PDB file of N, CA and C in Angstrom:
ATOM      1  N   UNK A   1      -5.801 -14.808   2.455  1.00  0.00           N
ATOM      2  CA  UNK A   1      -4.647 -13.860   2.647  1.00  0.00           C
ATOM      3  C   UNK A   1      -3.822 -14.188   3.608  1.00  0.00           C
ATOM      4  N   UNK A   2      -4.660 -14.731   4.972  1.00  0.00           N
ATOM      5  CA  UNK A   2      -3.537 -15.634   5.521  1.00  0.00           C
ATOM      6  C   UNK A   2      -2.372 -16.541   5.334  1.00  0.00           C
ATOM      7  N   UNK A   3      -2.781 -17.446   4.238  1.00  0.00           N
ATOM      8  CA  UNK A   3      -1.904 -18.172   3.644  1.00  0.00           C
ATOM      9  C   UNK A   3      -0.762 -17.071   3.153  1.00  0.00           C
ATOM     10  N   UNK A   4      -1.282 -16.337   2.196  1.00  0.00           N
ATOM     11  CA  UNK A   4      -0.149 -15.287   1.793  1.00  0.00           C
ATOM     12  C   UNK A   4       0.860 -14.824   2.983  1.00  0.00           C
ATOM     13  N   UNK A   5       0.225 -14.236   3.693  1.00  0.00           N
ATOM     14  CA  UNK A   5       0.921 -13.759   4.925  1.00  0.00           C
ATOM     15  C   UNK A   5       1.904 -14.781   5.681  1.00  0.00           C
ATOM     16  N   UNK A   6       1.229 -16.058   6.359  1.00  0.00           N
ATOM     17  CA  UNK A   6       2.179 -16.354   7.060  1.00  0.00           C
ATOM     18  C   UNK A   6       2.813 -17.457   6.275  1.00  0.00           C
ATOM     19  N   UNK A   7       2.323 -18.045   5.188  1.00  0.00           N
ATOM     20  CA  UNK A   7       2.902 -19.410   4.616  1.00  0.00           C
ATOM     21  C   UNK A   7       3.840 -19.058   3.439  1.00  0.00           C
ATOM     22  N   UNK A   8       3.468 -18.294   2.348  1.00  0.00           N
ATOM     23  CA  UNK A   8       3.777 -18.147   1.269  1.00  0.00           C
ATOM     24  C   UNK A   8       5.301 -17.116   1.623  1.00  0.00           C
ATOM     25  N   UNK A   9       4.342 -15.931   2.408  1.00  0.00           N
ATOM     26  CA  UNK A   9       5.310 -14.712   2.848  1.00  0.00           C
ATOM     27  C   UNK A   9       5.460 -13.852   1.715  1.00  0.00           C
ATOM     28  N   UNK A  10       4.524 -14.111   0.598  1.00  0.00           N
ATOM     29  CA  UNK A  10       4.446 -12.977  -0.431  1.00  0.00           C
ATOM     30  C   UNK A  10       3.609 -11.561  -0.401  1.00  0.00           C
ATOM     31  N   UNK A  11       3.154 -11.462   0.713  1.00  0.00           N
ATOM     32  CA  UNK A  11       2.868 -10.038   1.513  1.00  0.00           C
ATOM     33  C   UNK A  11       3.124 -10.082   2.754  1.00  0.00           C
ATOM     34  N   UNK A  12       2.965  -8.356   3.520  1.00  0.00           N
ATOM     35  CA  UNK A  12       3.135  -8.654   4.466  1.00  0.00           C
ATOM     36  C   UNK A  12       2.230  -7.450   5.257  1.00  0.00           C
ATOM     37  N   UNK A  13       2.127  -7.731   6.510  1.00  0.00           N
ATOM     38  CA  UNK A  13       0.802  -6.994   6.998  1.00  0.00           C
ATOM     39  C   UNK A  13       1.377  -6.308   8.677  1.00  0.00           C
ATOM     40  N   UNK A  14       1.379  -5.191   8.740  1.00  0.00           N
ATOM     41  CA  UNK A  14       1.495  -4.393   9.675  1.00  0.00           C
ATOM     42  C   UNK A  14      -0.074  -3.994  10.650  1.00  0.00           C
ATOM     43  N   UNK A  15       0.087  -3.943  11.684  1.00  0.00           N
ATOM     44  CA  UNK A  15      -1.021  -3.864  12.242  1.00  0.00           C
ATOM     45  C   UNK A  15      -1.154  -2.801  13.357  1.00  0.00           C
ATOM     46  N   UNK A  16      -2.064  -2.068  13.792  1.00  0.00           N
ATOM     47  CA  UNK A  16      -1.854  -0.710  14.870  1.00  0.00           C
ATOM     48  C   UNK A  16      -3.134  -1.169  15.826  1.00  0.00           C
ATOM     49  N   UNK A  17      -2.812  -1.102  17.000  1.00  0.00           N
ATOM     50  CA  UNK A  17      -3.982  -1.410  18.345  1.00  0.00           C
ATOM     51  C   UNK A  17      -3.652  -0.092  19.211  1.00  0.00           C
ATOM     52  N   UNK A  18      -4.757  -0.338  19.560  1.00  0.00           N
ATOM     53  CA  UNK A  18      -5.087   0.771  20.742  1.00  0.00           C
ATOM     54  C   UNK A  18      -5.883   0.317  21.872  1.00  0.00           C
ATOM     55  N   UNK A  19      -5.767   0.251  22.984  1.00  0.00           N
ATOM     56  CA  UNK A  19      -6.144  -0.463  24.191  1.00  0.00           C
ATOM     57  C   UNK A  19      -6.308  -1.693  23.884  1.00  0.00           C
ATOM     58  N   UNK A  20      -5.776  -2.626  23.350  1.00  0.00           N
ATOM     59  CA  UNK A  20      -5.729  -3.866  22.809  1.00  0.00           C
ATOM     60  C   UNK A  20      -6.396  -4.525  21.785  1.00  0.00           C
ATOM     61  N   UNK A  21      -7.015  -3.063  20.815  1.00  0.00           N
ATOM     62  CA  UNK A  21      -7.823  -3.105  19.760  1.00  0.00           C
ATOM     63  C   UNK A  21      -7.456  -3.032  18.478  1.00  0.00           C
ATOM     64  N   UNK A  22      -7.158  -3.535  17.684  1.00  0.00           N
ATOM     65  CA  UNK A  22      -6.669  -3.349  16.620  1.00  0.00           C
ATOM     66  C   UNK A  22      -7.709  -2.269  15.933  1.00  0.00           C
ATOM     67  N   UNK A  23      -6.852  -1.349  15.187  1.00  0.00           N
ATOM     68  CA  UNK A  23      -7.735  -0.024  14.875  1.00  0.00           C
ATOM     69  C   UNK A  23      -6.813   0.322  13.529  1.00  0.00           C
ATOM     70  N   UNK A  24      -6.142  -0.454  13.094  1.00  0.00           N
ATOM     71  CA  UNK A  24      -5.567  -0.140  11.399  1.00  0.00           C
ATOM     72  C   UNK A  24      -4.326  -1.356  11.348  1.00  0.00           C
ATOM     73  N   UNK A  25      -4.118  -1.224   9.889  1.00  0.00           N
ATOM     74  CA  UNK A  25      -3.247  -1.974   9.630  1.00  0.00           C
ATOM     75  C   UNK A  25      -2.880  -1.412   7.987  1.00  0.00           C
ATOM     76  N   UNK A  26      -1.674  -1.931   7.297  1.00  0.00           N
ATOM     77  CA  UNK A  26      -1.008  -1.737   6.199  1.00  0.00           C
ATOM     78  C   UNK A  26      -0.870  -3.088   5.525  1.00  0.00           C
ATOM     79  N   UNK A  27      -1.153  -3.491   4.595  1.00  0.00           N
ATOM     80  CA  UNK A  27      -0.957  -4.682   3.688  1.00  0.00           C
ATOM     81  C   UNK A  27       0.156  -4.136   2.548  1.00  0.00           C
ATOM     82  N   UNK A  28       1.169  -4.590   2.123  1.00  0.00           N
ATOM     83  CA  UNK A  28       1.989  -4.246   1.336  1.00  0.00           C
ATOM     84  C   UNK A  28       2.947  -5.582   1.037  1.00  0.00           C
ATOM     85  N   UNK A  29       3.734  -5.239  -0.622  1.00  0.00           N
ATOM     86  CA  UNK A  29       4.064  -6.098  -0.800  1.00  0.00           C
ATOM     87  C   UNK A  29       5.161  -5.789  -1.700  1.00  0.00           C
ATOM     88  N   UNK A  30       6.195  -6.592  -2.368  1.00  0.00           N
ATOM     89  CA  UNK A  30       7.301  -5.953  -3.064  1.00  0.00           C
ATOM     90  C   UNK A  30       7.076  -6.030  -4.461  1.00  0.00           C
ATOM     91  N   UNK A  31       7.417  -5.295  -5.849  1.00  0.00           N
ATOM     92  CA  UNK A  31       7.662  -5.469  -6.999  1.00  0.00           C
ATOM     93  C   UNK A  31       8.831  -5.079  -7.652  1.00  0.00           C
ATOM     94  N   UNK A  32       9.304  -4.929  -8.754  1.00  0.00           N
ATOM     95  CA  UNK A  32      10.208  -4.234  -9.058  1.00  0.00           C
ATOM     96  C   UNK A  32      10.260  -3.398 -10.356  1.00  0.00           C
ATOM     97  N   UNK A  33      11.140  -2.415 -10.498  1.00  0.00           N
ATOM     98  CA  UNK A  33      11.452  -1.236 -11.367  1.00  0.00           C
ATOM     99  C   UNK A  33      11.954  -2.020 -12.279  1.00  0.00           C
ATOM    100  N   UNK A  34      12.112  -2.004 -13.409  1.00  0.00           N
ATOM    101  CA  UNK A  34      13.104  -2.445 -14.403  1.00  0.00           C
ATOM    102  C   UNK A  34      13.631  -0.686 -14.737  1.00  0.00           C
ATOM    103  N   UNK A  35      12.919   0.201 -14.344  1.00  0.00           N
ATOM    104  CA  UNK A  35      13.456   1.632 -15.218  1.00  0.00           C
ATOM    105  C   UNK A  35      14.638   2.136 -14.081  1.00  0.00           C
ATOM    106  N   UNK A  36      14.270   1.740 -12.303  1.00  0.00           N
ATOM    107  CA  UNK A  36      15.637   1.658 -11.477  1.00  0.00           C
ATOM    108  C   UNK A  36      16.190   0.635 -11.464  1.00  0.00           C
ATOM    109  N   UNK A  37      16.044  -0.247 -11.755  1.00  0.00           N
ATOM    110  CA  UNK A  37      16.567  -1.479 -11.642  1.00  0.00           C
ATOM    111  C   UNK A  37      16.901  -2.315  -9.902  1.00  0.00           C
ATOM    112  N   UNK A  38      15.713  -2.001  -9.522  1.00  0.00           N
ATOM    113  CA  UNK A  38      15.484  -1.804  -7.974  1.00  0.00           C
ATOM    114  C   UNK A  38      14.071  -2.391  -7.471  1.00  0.00           C
ATOM    115  N   UNK A  39      13.746  -2.813  -6.378  1.00  0.00           N
ATOM    116  CA  UNK A  39      12.866  -3.349  -5.851  1.00  0.00           C
ATOM    117  C   UNK A  39      11.787  -1.716  -5.473  1.00  0.00           C
ATOM    118  N   UNK A  40      10.460  -2.332  -5.600  1.00  0.00           N
ATOM    119  CA  UNK A  40       9.473  -1.127  -5.070  1.00  0.00           C
ATOM    120  C   UNK A  40       8.196  -1.690  -4.202  1.00  0.00           C
ATOM    121  N   UNK A  41       8.414  -0.921  -2.831  1.00  0.00           N
ATOM    122  CA  UNK A  41       7.290  -1.388  -2.420  1.00  0.00           C
ATOM    123  C   UNK A  41       6.061  -0.755  -2.595  1.00  0.00           C
ATOM    124  N   UNK A  42       5.188  -1.723  -2.438  1.00  0.00           N
ATOM    125  CA  UNK A  42       3.538  -1.368  -3.515  1.00  0.00           C
ATOM    126  C   UNK A  42       2.557  -1.379  -1.923  1.00  0.00           C
ATOM    127  N   UNK A  43       2.306  -0.509  -1.792  1.00  0.00           N
ATOM    128  CA  UNK A  43       1.065  -0.361  -0.788  1.00  0.00           C
ATOM    129  C   UNK A  43      -0.090  -0.992  -1.089  1.00  0.00           C
ATOM    130  N   UNK A  44      -0.995  -1.840  -1.111  1.00  0.00           N
ATOM    131  CA  UNK A  44      -1.970  -2.487  -1.507  1.00  0.00           C
ATOM    132  C   UNK A  44      -3.578  -2.097  -0.601  1.00  0.00           C
ATOM    133  N   UNK A  45      -3.203  -1.761   0.889  1.00  0.00           N
ATOM    134  CA  UNK A  45      -4.552  -1.318   1.397  1.00  0.00           C
ATOM    135  C   UNK A  45      -3.544  -0.518   2.870  1.00  0.00           C
ATOM    136  N   UNK A  46      -3.992   0.808   3.042  1.00  0.00           N
ATOM    137  CA  UNK A  46      -3.933   1.423   4.231  1.00  0.00           C
ATOM    138  C   UNK A  46      -5.003   1.898   4.975  1.00  0.00           C
ATOM    139  N   UNK A  47      -5.551   1.201   6.354  1.00  0.00           N
ATOM    140  CA  UNK A  47      -6.545   1.558   6.810  1.00  0.00           C
ATOM    141  C   UNK A  47      -6.608   1.787   8.353  1.00  0.00           C
ATOM    142  N   UNK A  48      -7.568   2.716   8.581  1.00  0.00           N
ATOM    143  CA  UNK A  48      -7.197   2.896  10.006  1.00  0.00           C
ATOM    144  C   UNK A  48      -9.052   3.336  10.569  1.00  0.00           C
ATOM    145  N   UNK A  49      -9.477   2.765  11.238  1.00  0.00           N
ATOM    146  CA  UNK A  49     -10.812   3.375  11.702  1.00  0.00           C
ATOM    147  C   UNK A  49     -11.094   4.685  11.895  1.00  0.00           C
ATOM    148  N   UNK A  50     -12.159   4.634  11.269  1.00  0.00           N
ATOM    149  CA  UNK A  50     -12.757   6.379  10.989  1.00  0.00           C
ATOM    150  C   UNK A  50     -12.470   6.984  12.798  1.00  0.00           C
ATOM    151  N   UNK A  51     -12.861   6.526  13.734  1.00  0.00           N
ATOM    152  CA  UNK A  51     -12.873   6.985  14.742  1.00  0.00           C
ATOM    153  C   UNK A  51     -11.501   7.076  14.945  1.00  0.00           C
ATOM    154  N   UNK A  52     -10.445   6.366  14.935  1.00  0.00           N
ATOM    155  CA  UNK A  52      -8.904   6.456  15.619  1.00  0.00           C
ATOM    156  C   UNK A  52      -7.965   7.373  14.500  1.00  0.00           C
ATOM    157  N   UNK A  53      -8.754   8.007  13.240  1.00  0.00           N
ATOM    158  CA  UNK A  53      -8.157   9.113  12.385  1.00  0.00           C
ATOM    159  C   UNK A  53      -7.520  10.157  12.818  1.00  0.00           C
ATOM    160  N   UNK A  54      -6.801  10.956  12.339  1.00  0.00           N
ATOM    161  CA  UNK A  54      -6.035  12.150  13.202  1.00  0.00           C
ATOM    162  C   UNK A  54      -5.004  11.928  14.004  1.00  0.00           C
ATOM    163  N   UNK A  55      -4.839  10.609  14.649  1.00  0.00           N
ATOM    164  CA  UNK A  55      -4.241  10.680  15.549  1.00  0.00           C
ATOM    165  C   UNK A  55      -2.616  10.072  15.377  1.00  0.00           C
ATOM    166  N   UNK A  56      -2.293  10.176  14.284  1.00  0.00           N
ATOM    167  CA  UNK A  56      -0.831  10.059  13.599  1.00  0.00           C
ATOM    168  C   UNK A  56      -0.979   8.511  13.556  1.00  0.00           C
ATOM    169  N   UNK A  57      -1.839   7.269  13.292  1.00  0.00           N
ATOM    170  CA  UNK A  57      -1.861   6.282  13.618  1.00  0.00           C
ATOM    171  C   UNK A  57      -1.799   5.520  11.899  1.00  0.00           C
ATOM    172  N   UNK A  58      -2.405   6.091  10.981  1.00  0.00           N
ATOM    173  CA  UNK A  58      -1.947   6.175   9.776  1.00  0.00           C
ATOM    174  C   UNK A  58      -0.637   6.860   9.099  1.00  0.00           C
ATOM    175  N   UNK A  59      -0.087   7.573   9.783  1.00  0.00           N
ATOM    176  CA  UNK A  59       1.079   8.185   9.289  1.00  0.00           C
ATOM    177  C   UNK A  59       1.857   7.218   9.990  1.00  0.00           C
ATOM    178  N   UNK A  60       1.973   6.671  11.026  1.00  0.00           N
ATOM    179  CA  UNK A  60       3.041   6.070  11.585  1.00  0.00           C
ATOM    180  C   UNK A  60       2.935   4.131  10.869  1.00  0.00           C
ATOM    181  N   UNK A  61       1.867   3.791  10.372  1.00  0.00           N
ATOM    182  CA  UNK A  61       1.830   2.659   9.297  1.00  0.00           C
ATOM    183  C   UNK A  61       2.651   3.078   8.357  1.00  0.00           C
ATOM    184  N   UNK A  62       2.391   4.306   7.101  1.00  0.00           N
ATOM    185  CA  UNK A  62       3.225   4.646   6.728  1.00  0.00           C
ATOM    186  C   UNK A  62       4.505   4.355   6.841  1.00  0.00           C
ATOM    187  N   UNK A  63       4.774   5.286   7.905  1.00  0.00           N
ATOM    188  CA  UNK A  63       6.587   5.575   7.861  1.00  0.00           C
ATOM    189  C   UNK A  63       7.219   4.452   8.157  1.00  0.00           C
ATOM    190  N   UNK A  64       6.450   3.135   9.068  1.00  0.00           N
ATOM    191  CA  UNK A  64       6.956   2.149   8.785  1.00  0.00           C
ATOM    192  C   UNK A  64       7.321   1.280   7.318  1.00  0.00           C
ATOM    193  N   UNK A  65       6.494   1.609   6.540  1.00  0.00           N
ATOM    194  CA  UNK A  65       6.646   1.227   4.717  1.00  0.00           C
ATOM    195  C   UNK A  65       7.854   2.115   4.743  1.00  0.00           C
ATOM    196  N   UNK A  66       7.984   3.167   4.850  1.00  0.00           N
ATOM    197  CA  UNK A  66       9.169   3.736   4.061  1.00  0.00           C
ATOM    198  C   UNK A  66      10.304   3.320   4.680  1.00  0.00           C
ATOM    199  N   UNK A  67      10.291   3.107   6.239  1.00  0.00           N
ATOM    200  CA  UNK A  67      11.535   2.180   6.535  1.00  0.00           C
ATOM    201  C   UNK A  67      11.532   0.858   6.014  1.00  0.00           C
ATOM    202  N   UNK A  68      10.881   0.208   5.823  1.00  0.00           N
ATOM    203  CA  UNK A  68      11.043  -0.941   5.232  1.00  0.00           C
ATOM    204  C   UNK A  68      11.848  -0.759   3.545  1.00  0.00           C
ATOM    205  N   UNK A  69      10.903  -0.172   2.883  1.00  0.00           N
ATOM    206  CA  UNK A  69      11.657   0.123   1.753  1.00  0.00           C
ATOM    207  C   UNK A  69      13.238   0.645   1.748  1.00  0.00           C
ATOM    208  N   UNK A  70      13.116   1.597   2.571  1.00  0.00           N
ATOM    209  CA  UNK A  70      14.748   2.111   2.518  1.00  0.00           C
ATOM    210  C   UNK A  70      15.787   0.647   2.746  1.00  0.00           C
ATOM    211  N   UNK A  71      14.989  -0.122   3.964  1.00  0.00           N
ATOM    212  CA  UNK A  71      15.803  -1.014   4.289  1.00  0.00           C
ATOM    213  C   UNK A  71      16.226  -2.049   3.356  1.00  0.00           C
ATOM    214  N   UNK A  72      14.975  -2.104   2.707  1.00  0.00           N
ATOM    215  CA  UNK A  72      15.237  -3.168   1.589  1.00  0.00           C
ATOM    216  C   UNK A  72      16.068  -2.402   0.249  1.00  0.00           C
ATOM    217  N   UNK A  73      16.161  -1.526   0.369  1.00  0.00           N
ATOM    218  CA  UNK A  73      16.783  -0.797  -0.962  1.00  0.00           C
ATOM    219  C   UNK A  73      16.096  -0.565  -2.369  1.00  0.00           C
ATOM    220  N   UNK A  74      14.649  -0.326  -1.842  1.00  0.00           N
ATOM    221  CA  UNK A  74      13.819   0.163  -2.654  1.00  0.00           C
ATOM    222  C   UNK A  74      13.922   1.431  -3.592  1.00  0.00           C
ATOM    223  N   UNK A  75      13.588   1.512  -4.546  1.00  0.00           N
ATOM    224  CA  UNK A  75      13.800   3.271  -5.395  1.00  0.00           C
ATOM    225  C   UNK A  75      12.575   3.804  -5.553  1.00  0.00           C
ATOM    226  N   UNK A  76      11.888   3.240  -4.914  1.00  0.00           N
ATOM    227  CA  UNK A  76      10.268   3.899  -4.683  1.00  0.00           C
ATOM    228  C   UNK A  76       9.219   3.057  -4.242  1.00  0.00           C
ATOM    229  N   UNK A  77       8.124   4.100  -3.657  1.00  0.00           N
ATOM    230  CA  UNK A  77       7.203   3.134  -2.902  1.00  0.00           C
ATOM    231  C   UNK A  77       5.723   3.662  -3.492  1.00  0.00           C
ATOM    232  N   UNK A  78       5.436   2.713  -3.768  1.00  0.00           N
ATOM    233  CA  UNK A  78       3.576   3.130  -4.847  1.00  0.00           C
ATOM    234  C   UNK A  78       2.509   2.694  -4.161  1.00  0.00           C
ATOM    235  N   UNK A  79       1.912   3.037  -4.811  1.00  0.00           N
ATOM    236  CA  UNK A  79       0.087   2.938  -4.130  1.00  0.00           C
ATOM    237  C   UNK A  79      -0.996   3.520  -4.930  1.00  0.00           C
ATOM    238  N   UNK A  80      -2.563   3.022  -4.910  1.00  0.00           N
ATOM    239  CA  UNK A  80      -3.283   3.836  -5.313  1.00  0.00           C
ATOM    240  C   UNK A  80      -4.371   4.024  -5.173  1.00  0.00           C
ATOM    241  N   UNK A  81      -5.211   5.364  -5.264  1.00  0.00           N
ATOM    242  CA  UNK A  81      -5.678   5.907  -4.487  1.00  0.00           C
ATOM    243  C   UNK A  81      -6.787   6.171  -5.635  1.00  0.00           C
ATOM    244  N   UNK A  82      -8.406   6.018  -4.749  1.00  0.00           N
ATOM    245  CA  UNK A  82      -9.382   6.116  -5.654  1.00  0.00           C
ATOM    246  C   UNK A  82      -9.493   7.927  -5.806  1.00  0.00           C
ATOM    247  N   UNK A  83     -10.174   8.288  -6.820  1.00  0.00           N
ATOM    248  CA  UNK A  83     -10.113   9.650  -7.323  1.00  0.00           C
ATOM    249  C   UNK A  83     -11.196  10.351  -6.204  1.00  0.00           C
ATOM    250  N   UNK A  84     -11.972   9.355  -5.967  1.00  0.00           N
ATOM    251  CA  UNK A  84     -12.818  10.450  -4.987  1.00  0.00           C
ATOM    252  C   UNK A  84     -12.541  10.517  -3.449  1.00  0.00           C
ATOM    253  N   UNK A  85     -11.634   9.651  -3.048  1.00  0.00           N
ATOM    254  CA  UNK A  85     -11.108   9.775  -1.608  1.00  0.00           C
ATOM    255  C   UNK A  85     -10.076  10.912  -1.264  1.00  0.00           C
ATOM    256  N   UNK A  86     -10.795  12.042  -1.672  1.00  0.00           N
ATOM    257  CA  UNK A  86      -9.831  12.788  -1.119  1.00  0.00           C
ATOM    258  C   UNK A  86      -9.227  13.624   0.012  1.00  0.00           C
ATOM    259  N   UNK A  87      -9.785  12.777   0.738  1.00  0.00           N
ATOM    260  CA  UNK A  87      -9.178  12.776   2.451  1.00  0.00           C
ATOM    261  C   UNK A  87      -7.610  11.687   2.348  1.00  0.00           C
ATOM    262  N   UNK A  88      -7.845  10.794   1.631  1.00  0.00           N
ATOM    263  CA  UNK A  88      -6.718   9.955   1.049  1.00  0.00           C
ATOM    264  C   UNK A  88      -5.375  10.679   0.738  1.00  0.00           C
ATOM    265  N   UNK A  89      -6.269  11.264  -0.399  1.00  0.00           N
ATOM    266  CA  UNK A  89      -5.045  12.471  -1.561  1.00  0.00           C
ATOM    267  C   UNK A  89      -4.433  13.257  -1.116  1.00  0.00           C
ATOM    268  N   UNK A  90      -5.153  13.761   0.218  1.00  0.00           N
ATOM    269  CA  UNK A  90      -4.517  14.884   1.288  1.00  0.00           C
ATOM    270  C   UNK A  90      -3.569  14.640   1.948  1.00  0.00           C
ATOM    271  N   UNK A  91      -3.720  13.016   2.815  1.00  0.00           N
ATOM    272  CA  UNK A  91      -3.122  12.645   3.431  1.00  0.00           C
ATOM    273  C   UNK A  91      -1.693  12.555   3.207  1.00  0.00           C
ATOM    274  N   UNK A  92      -1.588  11.581   1.948  1.00  0.00           N
ATOM    275  CA  UNK A  92      -0.758  11.557   1.059  1.00  0.00           C
ATOM    276  C   UNK A  92       0.493  12.503   0.704  1.00  0.00           C
ATOM    277  N   UNK A  93      -0.445  13.540   0.052  1.00  0.00           N
ATOM    278  CA  UNK A  93       0.605  14.494  -0.620  1.00  0.00           C
ATOM    279  C   UNK A  93       0.854  15.424   0.697  1.00  0.00           C
ATOM    280  N   UNK A  94       0.389  15.400   2.021  1.00  0.00           N
ATOM    281  CA  UNK A  94       1.041  16.110   2.784  1.00  0.00           C
ATOM    282  C   UNK A  94       2.178  15.352   3.744  1.00  0.00           C
ATOM    283  N   UNK A  95       2.391  14.183   3.148  1.00  0.00           N
ATOM    284  CA  UNK A  95       3.324  13.499   3.506  1.00  0.00           C
ATOM    285  C   UNK A  95       4.691  13.538   2.296  1.00  0.00           C
ATOM    286  N   UNK A  96       4.350  14.468   1.067  1.00  0.00           N
ATOM    287  CA  UNK A  96       5.513  14.778   0.242  1.00  0.00           C
ATOM    288  C   UNK A  96       4.807  13.688  -1.118  1.00  0.00           C
ATOM    289  N   UNK A  97       3.952  13.063  -0.936  1.00  0.00           N
ATOM    290  CA  UNK A  97       3.763  12.250  -2.356  1.00  0.00           C
ATOM    291  C   UNK A  97       3.134  13.049  -3.247  1.00  0.00           C
ATOM    292  N   UNK A  98       3.482  12.517  -4.497  1.00  0.00           N
ATOM    293  CA  UNK A  98       2.871  13.328  -5.707  1.00  0.00           C
ATOM    294  C   UNK A  98       1.717  12.547  -6.568  1.00  0.00           C
ATOM    295  N   UNK A  99       0.776  13.254  -7.066  1.00  0.00           N
ATOM    296  CA  UNK A  99       0.090  12.322  -8.136  1.00  0.00           C
ATOM    297  C   UNK A  99       0.603  11.954  -9.354  1.00  0.00           C
ATOM    298  N   UNK A 100       0.408  11.172  -9.872  1.00  0.00           N
ATOM    299  CA  UNK A 100       0.899  10.723 -11.324  1.00  0.00           C
ATOM    300  C   UNK A 100      -0.215  10.799 -12.404  1.00  0.00           C
ATOM    301  N   UNK A 101       0.156  12.289 -13.302  1.00  0.00           N
ATOM    302  CA  UNK A 101      -1.037  12.102 -14.455  1.00  0.00           C
ATOM    303  C   UNK A 101      -0.546  11.303 -15.385  1.00  0.00           C
ATOM    304  N   UNK A 102       0.799  11.216 -15.597  1.00  0.00           N
ATOM    305  CA  UNK A 102       1.186  10.488 -17.273  1.00  0.00           C
ATOM    306  C   UNK A 102       0.968   9.024 -17.092  1.00  0.00           C
ATOM    307  N   UNK A 103       0.186   8.199 -16.113  1.00  0.00           N
ATOM    308  CA  UNK A 103       0.331   7.200 -15.999  1.00  0.00           C
ATOM    309  C   UNK A 103      -1.479   6.561 -15.921  1.00  0.00           C
ATOM    310  N   UNK A 104      -1.634   5.135 -16.951  1.00  0.00           N
ATOM    311  CA  UNK A 104      -3.382   4.876 -16.764  1.00  0.00           C
ATOM    312  C   UNK A 104      -3.200   3.532 -16.072  1.00  0.00           C
ATOM    313  N   UNK A 105      -3.921   3.452 -15.101  1.00  0.00           N
ATOM    314  CA  UNK A 105      -4.070   2.081 -14.513  1.00  0.00           C
ATOM    315  C   UNK A 105      -4.717   0.869 -15.340  1.00  0.00           C
ATOM    316  N   UNK A 106      -4.544  -0.221 -15.367  1.00  0.00           N
ATOM    317  CA  UNK A 106      -5.016  -0.755 -16.418  1.00  0.00           C
ATOM    318  C   UNK A 106      -5.104  -2.287 -15.568  1.00  0.00           C
ATOM    319  N   UNK A 107      -6.267  -2.937 -15.956  1.00  0.00           N
ATOM    320  CA  UNK A 107      -6.737  -4.206 -14.878  1.00  0.00           C
ATOM    321  C   UNK A 107      -7.720  -5.098 -15.801  1.00  0.00           C
ATOM    322  N   UNK A 108      -7.288  -6.124 -15.637  1.00  0.00           N
ATOM    323  CA  UNK A 108      -7.939  -7.626 -16.027  1.00  0.00           C
ATOM    324  C   UNK A 108      -8.669  -8.083 -14.918  1.00  0.00           C
ATOM    325  N   UNK A 109      -9.848  -8.095 -14.657  1.00  0.00           N
ATOM    326  CA  UNK A 109     -10.566  -8.846 -13.589  1.00  0.00           C
ATOM    327  C   UNK A 109     -10.613 -10.188 -13.653  1.00  0.00           C
ATOM    328  N   UNK A 110     -11.068 -10.838 -12.844  1.00  0.00           N
ATOM    329  CA  UNK A 110     -11.459 -12.545 -12.865  1.00  0.00           C
ATOM    330  C   UNK A 110     -11.905 -12.600 -14.534  1.00  0.00           C
ATOM    331  N   UNK A 111     -13.132 -12.293 -14.702  1.00  0.00           N
ATOM    332  CA  UNK A 111     -13.857 -12.933 -15.942  1.00  0.00           C
ATOM    333  C   UNK A 111     -12.986 -12.638 -17.038  1.00  0.00           C
ATOM    334  N   UNK A 112     -12.788 -11.441 -16.999  1.00  0.00           N
ATOM    335  CA  UNK A 112     -11.612 -11.099 -18.568  1.00  0.00           C
ATOM    336  C   UNK A 112     -10.286 -12.287 -18.430  1.00  0.00           C
ATOM    337  N   UNK A 113      -9.872 -12.528 -17.040  1.00  0.00           N
ATOM    338  CA  UNK A 113      -8.303 -13.649 -16.903  1.00  0.00           C
ATOM    339  C   UNK A 113      -9.127 -14.645 -17.691  1.00  0.00           C
ATOM    340  N   UNK A 114     -10.070 -15.087 -17.699  1.00  0.00           N
ATOM    341  CA  UNK A 114     -10.816 -16.321 -17.524  1.00  0.00           C
ATOM    342  C   UNK A 114     -11.090 -16.548 -19.209  1.00  0.00           C
ATOM    343  N   UNK A 115     -11.574 -15.366 -19.626  1.00  0.00           N
ATOM    344  CA  UNK A 115     -11.794 -15.238 -21.176  1.00  0.00           C
ATOM    345  C   UNK A 115     -10.667 -15.193 -22.017  1.00  0.00           C
ATOM    346  N   UNK A 116      -9.435 -14.609 -21.423  1.00  0.00           N
ATOM    347  CA  UNK A 116      -8.208 -14.559 -22.483  1.00  0.00           C
ATOM    348  C   UNK A 116      -8.135 -16.166 -22.083  1.00  0.00           C
ATOM    349  N   UNK A 117      -8.128 -16.977 -21.321  1.00  0.00           N
ATOM    350  CA  UNK A 117      -7.124 -17.969 -21.213  1.00  0.00           C
ATOM    351  C   UNK A 117      -7.706 -19.061 -22.141  1.00  0.00           C
ATOM    352  N   UNK A 118      -8.893 -18.946 -22.819  1.00  0.00           N
ATOM    353  CA  UNK A 118      -9.556 -20.106 -23.412  1.00  0.00           C
ATOM    354  C   UNK A 118      -9.042 -19.900 -24.969  1.00  0.00           C
TER     355      UNK A 118
END
């Protein structure tokens, strides 16, 4: 991950600290929307230590991503949330995000990638 952030610059990381301690981060990168003909900021991971949640740190990290998406001329921002993570779902909905029911996420894991390569 460090190589991708600092050498290849393919992903970006913002961190939050409190009292000199790392308490949260957001990891993001850019994809492209052919529907919009604009880039998309994709949040891979937004995390705040449990004891620091509810104080605006997650919101602040999220809003930094919003500002970066606007600065880069993105047509949208996207991320995934596990269905069972109701706290995260409420957090995002509280920021005005809407859950997309018309899309299904598909994945090939490493084993499947190797099997298809044969």
